[in-house]
């Protein structure tokens, strides 16, 4: 079963964007750009990022997905 985890090995702040990118098998830069666009398009990017930070569990080192 595929699950979303925060990727602590490739993080800038909390690993949310890299974890989401790993789940969808895309480049983390694209997810980061989407969050930045949401930030400047009304400020919802910060709120969504913070919610994801607290809801998405971190990936335990050595965990197989």
N, C-alpha and C. Protein backbone atom coordinates (compact mmCIF):
# COMPACT_ATOMS: atom_id res chain seq x y z
N UNK A 1 0.84 -1.17 0.00
CA UNK A 1 0.00 0.00 0.00
C UNK A 1 0.89 1.24 0.00
N UNK A 2 0.62 2.17 -0.87
CA UNK A 2 1.40 3.38 -1.02
C UNK A 2 0.86 4.45 -0.07
N UNK A 3 1.76 5.09 0.70
CA UNK A 3 1.36 6.13 1.65
C UNK A 3 2.24 7.36 1.48
N UNK A 4 1.74 8.50 1.92
CA UNK A 4 2.50 9.74 1.87
C UNK A 4 3.26 9.90 3.18
N UNK A 5 4.54 10.22 3.08
CA UNK A 5 5.39 10.50 4.23
C UNK A 5 6.16 11.78 3.96
N UNK A 6 6.53 12.47 5.03
CA UNK A 6 7.44 13.61 4.88
C UNK A 6 8.84 13.04 4.69
N UNK A 7 9.52 13.46 3.65
CA UNK A 7 10.86 12.97 3.35
C UNK A 7 11.88 13.84 4.09
N UNK A 8 12.45 13.31 5.15
CA UNK A 8 13.39 14.07 5.96
C UNK A 8 14.80 14.08 5.37
N UNK A 9 15.05 13.24 4.37
CA UNK A 9 16.37 13.21 3.73
C UNK A 9 16.52 14.30 2.67
N UNK A 10 15.42 14.73 2.07
CA UNK A 10 15.44 15.75 1.03
C UNK A 10 14.47 16.86 1.40
N UNK A 11 14.78 17.55 2.49
CA UNK A 11 13.85 18.57 2.97
C UNK A 11 14.46 19.96 2.88
N UNK A 12 13.59 20.95 2.76
CA UNK A 12 14.00 22.35 2.84
C UNK A 12 13.51 22.92 4.17
N UNK A 13 12.26 22.64 4.52
CA UNK A 13 11.72 23.09 5.80
C UNK A 13 11.32 21.86 6.63
N UNK A 14 10.32 21.12 6.16
CA UNK A 14 9.84 19.97 6.93
C UNK A 14 9.75 18.69 6.11
N UNK A 15 10.05 18.75 4.83
CA UNK A 15 10.00 17.56 3.99
C UNK A 15 8.65 17.28 3.38
N UNK A 16 7.71 18.22 3.51
CA UNK A 16 6.37 18.02 2.99
C UNK A 16 6.38 17.93 1.46
N UNK A 17 7.00 18.88 0.82
CA UNK A 17 7.00 18.92 -0.65
C UNK A 17 7.72 17.72 -1.25
N UNK A 18 8.86 17.35 -0.69
CA UNK A 18 9.59 16.20 -1.25
C UNK A 18 8.85 14.90 -0.98
N UNK A 19 8.13 14.82 0.13
CA UNK A 19 7.33 13.63 0.41
C UNK A 19 6.16 13.49 -0.54
N UNK A 20 5.48 14.60 -0.82
CA UNK A 20 4.37 14.58 -1.77
C UNK A 20 4.89 14.26 -3.17
N UNK A 21 6.02 14.84 -3.52
CA UNK A 21 6.61 14.58 -4.84
C UNK A 21 7.02 13.12 -4.98
N UNK A 22 7.55 12.54 -3.92
CA UNK A 22 7.93 11.13 -3.97
C UNK A 22 6.70 10.24 -4.14
N UNK A 23 5.61 10.59 -3.50
CA UNK A 23 4.37 9.83 -3.61
C UNK A 23 3.86 9.83 -5.05
N UNK A 24 3.88 11.01 -5.70
CA UNK A 24 3.39 11.13 -7.06
C UNK A 24 4.47 10.86 -8.11
N UNK A 25 5.69 10.57 -7.67
CA UNK A 25 6.82 10.26 -8.54
C UNK A 25 7.09 11.40 -9.53
N UNK A 26 7.20 12.62 -8.96
CA UNK A 26 7.55 13.80 -9.76
C UNK A 26 8.66 14.56 -9.05
N UNK A 27 9.17 15.57 -9.70
CA UNK A 27 10.26 16.38 -9.15
C UNK A 27 9.75 17.25 -8.00
N UNK A 28 10.44 17.25 -6.85
CA UNK A 28 10.00 18.07 -5.71
C UNK A 28 9.94 19.57 -6.02
N UNK A 29 10.72 20.02 -6.98
CA UNK A 29 10.72 21.44 -7.34
C UNK A 29 9.33 21.86 -7.84
N UNK A 30 8.65 20.99 -8.56
CA UNK A 30 7.31 21.31 -9.05
C UNK A 30 6.33 21.53 -7.90
N UNK A 31 6.40 20.69 -6.89
CA UNK A 31 5.53 20.83 -5.72
C UNK A 31 5.87 22.11 -4.97
N UNK A 32 7.15 22.40 -4.85
CA UNK A 32 7.57 23.63 -4.17
C UNK A 32 7.07 24.88 -4.91
N UNK A 33 7.11 24.83 -6.23
CA UNK A 33 6.60 25.95 -7.03
C UNK A 33 5.09 26.11 -6.84
N UNK A 34 4.38 25.00 -6.77
CA UNK A 34 2.93 25.06 -6.53
C UNK A 34 2.63 25.70 -5.18
N UNK A 35 3.39 25.31 -4.14
CA UNK A 35 3.20 25.91 -2.82
C UNK A 35 3.54 27.40 -2.83
N UNK A 36 4.59 27.79 -3.54
CA UNK A 36 4.94 29.21 -3.65
C UNK A 36 3.86 29.99 -4.38
N UNK A 37 3.34 29.42 -5.45
CA UNK A 37 2.26 30.07 -6.18
C UNK A 37 1.04 30.25 -5.27
N UNK A 38 0.71 29.22 -4.49
CA UNK A 38 -0.43 29.31 -3.57
C UNK A 38 -0.17 30.36 -2.48
N UNK A 39 1.08 30.51 -2.10
CA UNK A 39 1.44 31.51 -1.09
C UNK A 39 1.18 32.92 -1.63
N UNK A 40 1.62 33.18 -2.86
CA UNK A 40 1.47 34.51 -3.43
C UNK A 40 0.09 34.77 -4.02
N UNK A 41 -0.69 33.71 -4.21
CA UNK A 41 -2.02 33.87 -4.81
C UNK A 41 -3.11 34.00 -3.75
N UNK A 42 -2.75 34.27 -2.54
CA UNK A 42 -3.78 34.47 -1.53
C UNK A 42 -3.36 34.02 -0.14
N UNK A 43 -2.17 33.47 -0.02
CA UNK A 43 -1.66 33.09 1.29
C UNK A 43 -2.09 31.73 1.79
N UNK A 44 -2.85 30.99 0.99
CA UNK A 44 -3.32 29.68 1.45
C UNK A 44 -2.20 28.65 1.47
N UNK A 45 -1.11 28.91 0.74
CA UNK A 45 0.00 27.96 0.70
C UNK A 45 0.61 27.72 2.07
N UNK A 46 0.72 28.76 2.87
CA UNK A 46 1.29 28.63 4.21
C UNK A 46 0.39 27.77 5.08
N UNK A 47 -0.90 28.03 5.04
CA UNK A 47 -1.85 27.27 5.85
C UNK A 47 -1.87 25.80 5.45
N UNK A 48 -1.91 25.54 4.16
CA UNK A 48 -1.93 24.16 3.67
C UNK A 48 -0.63 23.45 4.04
N UNK A 49 0.51 24.14 3.91
CA UNK A 49 1.80 23.55 4.24
C UNK A 49 1.85 23.19 5.73
N UNK A 50 1.40 24.10 6.59
CA UNK A 50 1.42 23.83 8.03
C UNK A 50 0.51 22.66 8.40
N UNK A 51 -0.65 22.60 7.79
CA UNK A 51 -1.55 21.47 8.05
C UNK A 51 -0.90 20.16 7.60
N UNK A 52 -0.30 20.16 6.42
CA UNK A 52 0.38 18.95 5.94
C UNK A 52 1.55 18.57 6.85
N UNK A 53 2.26 19.56 7.36
CA UNK A 53 3.39 19.33 8.24
C UNK A 53 2.96 18.54 9.48
N UNK A 54 1.80 18.88 10.03
CA UNK A 54 1.33 18.21 11.24
C UNK A 54 0.57 16.92 10.96
N UNK A 55 -0.02 16.77 9.78
CA UNK A 55 -0.81 15.57 9.48
C UNK A 55 0.03 14.45 8.88
N UNK A 56 0.94 14.78 7.95
CA UNK A 56 1.73 13.75 7.27
C UNK A 56 2.86 13.29 8.18
N UNK A 57 2.93 11.98 8.45
CA UNK A 57 3.98 11.48 9.34
C UNK A 57 5.35 11.48 8.65
N UNK A 58 6.42 11.59 9.44
CA UNK A 58 7.75 11.52 8.83
C UNK A 58 8.10 10.09 8.44
N UNK A 59 8.93 9.98 7.42
CA UNK A 59 9.40 8.68 6.97
C UNK A 59 10.52 8.24 7.89
N UNK A 60 10.37 7.11 8.53
CA UNK A 60 11.38 6.59 9.44
C UNK A 60 12.55 6.09 8.60
N UNK A 61 13.76 6.43 9.03
CA UNK A 61 14.96 6.05 8.26
C UNK A 61 15.01 4.54 8.07
N UNK A 62 15.21 4.10 6.82
CA UNK A 62 15.30 2.70 6.50
C UNK A 62 13.96 2.03 6.26
N UNK A 63 12.89 2.78 6.30
CA UNK A 63 11.54 2.22 6.10
C UNK A 63 11.33 1.91 4.64
N UNK A 64 10.82 0.75 4.36
CA UNK A 64 10.54 0.33 2.98
C UNK A 64 9.10 0.67 2.68
N UNK A 65 8.87 1.25 1.48
CA UNK A 65 7.51 1.62 1.11
C UNK A 65 6.97 0.67 0.12
